[in-house]
C-alpha atoms as a PDB file:
ATOM      1  CA  MET A   1      57.716 -56.377  41.167  1.00  0.00           C
ATOM      2  CA  HIS A   2      54.018 -57.215  41.810  1.00  0.00           C
ATOM      3  CA  VAL A   3      54.942 -58.481  44.931  1.00  0.00           C
ATOM      4  CA  PHE A   4      57.065 -54.893  46.113  1.00  0.00           C
ATOM      5  CA  LEU A   5      53.575 -53.323  43.997  1.00  0.00           C
ATOM      6  CA  GLY A   6      51.225 -55.391  47.042  1.00  0.00           C
ATOM      7  CA  ILE A   7      53.477 -54.099  49.739  1.00  0.00           C
ATOM      8  CA  MET A   8      53.275 -50.916  49.218  1.00  0.00           C
ATOM      9  CA  LEU A   9      49.384 -50.757  48.978  1.00  0.00           C
ATOM     10  CA  GLY A  10      49.081 -52.391  51.545  1.00  0.00           C
ATOM     11  CA  LEU A  11      51.042 -50.267  53.537  1.00  0.00           C
ATOM     12  CA  LEU A  12      48.055 -47.373  52.530  1.00  0.00           C
ATOM     13  CA  VAL A  13      45.871 -48.605  55.136  1.00  0.00           C
ATOM     14  CA  PRO A  14      47.834 -47.529  57.982  1.00  0.00           C
ATOM     15  CA  TYR A  15      48.306 -44.113  56.996  1.00  0.00           C
ATOM     16  CA  PHE A  16      44.493 -44.034  55.792  1.00  0.00           C
ATOM     17  CA  ILE A  17      43.533 -44.944  59.593  1.00  0.00           C
ATOM     18  CA  ARG A  18      46.167 -42.366  60.650  1.00  0.00           C
ATOM     19  CA  VAL A  19      44.347 -39.515  58.547  1.00  0.00           C
ATOM     20  CA  ILE A  20      40.622 -40.461  59.721  1.00  0.00           C
ATOM     21  CA  ILE A  21      41.960 -41.396  64.022  1.00  0.00           C
ATOM     22  CA  GLY A  22      44.457 -38.895  63.967  1.00  0.00           C
ATOM     23  CA  PRO A  23      44.136 -36.934  67.058  1.00  0.00           C
ATOM     24  CA  SER A  24      45.124 -33.375  65.633  1.00  0.00           C
ATOM     25  CA  VAL A  25      44.992 -31.338  62.236  1.00  0.00           C
ATOM     26  CA  TRP A  26      48.792 -31.947  62.120  1.00  0.00           C
ATOM     27  CA  ASP A  27      48.420 -35.911  62.192  1.00  0.00           C
ATOM     28  CA  ARG A  28      45.919 -36.203  59.631  1.00  0.00           C
ATOM     29  CA  LEU A  29      48.162 -33.484  57.311  1.00  0.00           C
ATOM     30  CA  LEU A  30      50.968 -36.254  57.655  1.00  0.00           C
ATOM     31  CA  GLY A  31      48.918 -38.782  57.075  1.00  0.00           C
ATOM     32  CA  LEU A  32      48.008 -37.628  53.501  1.00  0.00           C
ATOM     33  CA  ASN A  33      51.971 -36.726  52.798  1.00  0.00           C
ATOM     34  CA  LEU A  34      52.632 -40.405  53.621  1.00  0.00           C
ATOM     35  CA  ILE A  35      49.636 -41.113  51.035  1.00  0.00           C
ATOM     36  CA  ALA A  36      51.545 -39.067  48.607  1.00  0.00           C
ATOM     37  CA  SER A  37      54.798 -40.243  48.494  1.00  0.00           C
ATOM     38  CA  LYS A  38      53.337 -43.999  48.626  1.00  0.00           C
ATOM     39  CA  ILE A  39      51.085 -43.551  45.602  1.00  0.00           C
ATOM     40  CA  ILE A  40      54.181 -41.574  44.102  1.00  0.00           C
ATOM     41  CA  MET A  41      56.242 -44.809  44.741  1.00  0.00           C
ATOM     42  CA  ILE A  42      53.503 -47.200  43.292  1.00  0.00           C
ATOM     43  CA  ILE A  43      53.624 -44.836  40.252  1.00  0.00           C
ATOM     44  CA  ILE A  44      56.815 -45.371  39.697  1.00  0.00           C
ATOM     45  CA  LEU A  45      56.705 -49.350  40.668  1.00  0.00           C
ATOM     46  CA  TYR A  46      53.845 -49.288  38.591  1.00  0.00           C
ATOM     47  CA  ALA A  47      55.601 -47.487  35.240  1.00  0.00           C
ATOM     48  CA  THR A  48      58.925 -49.555  35.980  1.00  0.00           C
ATOM     49  CA  ILE A  49      57.125 -52.922  35.553  1.00  0.00           C
ATOM     50  CA  THR A  50      55.233 -51.822  32.279  1.00  0.00           C
ATOM     51  CA  GLY A  51      57.768 -49.886  30.559  1.00  0.00           C
ATOM     52  CA  MET A  52      55.657 -46.598  30.237  1.00  0.00           C
ATOM     53  CA  THR A  53      58.373 -44.081  31.276  1.00  0.00           C
ATOM     54  CA  PHE A  54      55.875 -41.277  30.451  1.00  0.00           C
ATOM     55  CA  LEU A  55      54.341 -42.560  33.989  1.00  0.00           C
ATOM     56  CA  LEU A  56      57.307 -40.391  35.429  1.00  0.00           C
ATOM     57  CA  ASP A  57      56.074 -37.460  34.596  1.00  0.00           C
ATOM     58  CA  PHE A  58      53.184 -38.052  36.558  1.00  0.00           C
ATOM     59  CA  ALA A  59      54.896 -39.053  40.191  1.00  0.00           C
ATOM     60  CA  ILE A  60      56.797 -35.852  39.439  1.00  0.00           C
ATOM     61  CA  ILE A  61      54.190 -33.470  38.817  1.00  0.00           C
ATOM     62  CA  TYR A  62      52.067 -35.441  41.816  1.00  0.00           C
ATOM     63  CA  GLY A  63      54.810 -34.824  43.843  1.00  0.00           C
ATOM     64  CA  LEU A  64      55.285 -31.525  43.259  1.00  0.00           C
ATOM     65  CA  SER A  65      52.154 -30.183  43.278  1.00  0.00           C
ATOM     66  CA  GLY A  66      51.788 -32.860  46.836  1.00  0.00           C
ATOM     67  CA  PHE A  67      54.491 -30.871  48.369  1.00  0.00           C
ATOM     68  CA  ILE A  68      53.236 -27.033  47.095  1.00  0.00           C
ATOM     69  CA  GLY A  69      49.634 -28.153  48.922  1.00  0.00           C
ATOM     70  CA  THR A  70      50.717 -29.613  51.787  1.00  0.00           C
ATOM     71  CA  ILE A  71      53.034 -25.846  52.621  1.00  0.00           C
ATOM     72  CA  PHE A  72      49.810 -24.278  51.803  1.00  0.00           C
ATOM     73  CA  ILE A  73      47.536 -26.385  54.056  1.00  0.00           C
ATOM     74  CA  ALA A  74      50.183 -25.890  57.187  1.00  0.00           C
ATOM     75  CA  LEU A  75      50.361 -22.145  55.916  1.00  0.00           C
ATOM     76  CA  PHE A  76      46.636 -21.828  56.006  1.00  0.00           C
ATOM     77  CA  LEU A  77      46.541 -24.357  59.697  1.00  0.00           C
ATOM     78  CA  SER A  78      49.074 -21.935  61.494  1.00  0.00           C
ATOM     79  CA  LYS A  79      48.078 -18.565  60.774  1.00  0.00           C
ATOM     80  CA  SER A  80      44.356 -19.149  61.614  1.00  0.00           C
ATOM     81  CA  ARG A  81      45.830 -20.665  64.891  1.00  0.00           C
ATOM     82  CA  ILE A  82      47.575 -17.856  65.816  1.00  0.00           C
ATOM     83  CA  ARG A  83      44.323 -15.806  64.908  1.00  0.00           C
ATOM     84  CA  GLU A  84      42.476 -18.112  66.944  1.00  0.00           C
ATOM     85  CA  ARG A  85      44.698 -16.784  70.185  1.00  0.00           C
ATOM     86  CA  GLY A  86      44.671 -12.916  69.168  1.00  0.00           C
ATOM     87  CA  GLU A  87      48.278 -12.952  68.672  1.00  0.00           C
ATOM     88  CA  ASP A  88      48.625 -11.654  65.521  1.00  0.00           C
ATOM     89  CA  GLY A  89      51.104  -9.372  64.446  1.00  0.00           C
ATOM     90  CA  GLY A  90      49.166  -6.608  62.743  1.00  0.00           C
ATOM     91  CA  GLY A  91      50.252  -4.096  65.162  1.00  0.00           C
ATOM     92  CA  GLU A  92      53.369  -1.535  65.310  1.00  0.00           C
ATOM     93  CA  THR A  93      55.994  -2.710  67.444  1.00  0.00           C
ATOM     94  CA  ASP A  94      58.447  -0.049  70.005  1.00  0.00           C
ATOM     95  CA  ASN A  95      61.166  -2.062  71.432  1.00  0.00           C
ATOM     96  CA  GLU A  96      62.193   0.160  74.068  1.00  0.00           C
ATOM     97  CA  ASP A  97      65.286  -0.913  76.435  1.00  0.00           C
ATOM     98  CA  ASP A  98      64.620  -0.746  80.222  1.00  0.00           C
ATOM     99  CA  GLY A  99      68.423   0.953  80.638  1.00  0.00           C
ATOM    100  CA  ASP A 100      69.319  -2.765  82.642  1.00  0.00           C
ATOM    101  CA  GLY A 101      69.689  -4.728  79.362  1.00  0.00           C
ATOM    102  CA  THR A 102      65.961  -6.106  79.154  1.00  0.00           C
ATOM    103  CA  HIS A 103      63.486  -4.773  76.173  1.00  0.00           C
ATOM    104  CA  THR A 104      59.703  -4.443  76.427  1.00  0.00           C
ATOM    105  CA  GLN A 105      57.589  -4.217  73.846  1.00  0.00           C
ATOM    106  CA  GLU A 106      54.682  -2.269  72.994  1.00  0.00           C
ATOM    107  CA  VAL A 107      52.163  -3.346  70.641  1.00  0.00           C
ATOM    108  CA  GLU A 108      48.818  -1.182  68.901  1.00  0.00           C
ATOM    109  CA  ASN A 109      46.081  -3.330  68.675  1.00  0.00           C
ATOM    110  CA  VAL A 110      45.004  -3.126  65.160  1.00  0.00           C
ATOM    111  CA  GLU A 111      41.701  -4.512  63.738  1.00  0.00           C
ATOM    112  CA  VAL A 112      41.925  -7.158  61.258  1.00  0.00           C
ATOM    113  CA  PRO A 113      39.388  -7.713  59.389  1.00  0.00           C
END
């Protein structure tokens, strides 16, 4: 069992490299997710080795908080990237049929605070 624990700790090194060097923010986010999943596996292995079953509750809570945190970070990054490009969907849209089966879309410009 201690060998598996050592292997899990060793597998964290490439993920830390991914977080530090990652060419994009999404690669860094992926690296953080991988680190979180390995930490959960380490907690579960440690709880199994030592017989401290209450640590499994911490693993579940850590997994849920990591998942929710990842979702919020991804939403924040995607919304900030949309605003940087000026593609914010804050205006009202009118879809009109051109008669030939195609639609044009007119968007009113609305200032976003």
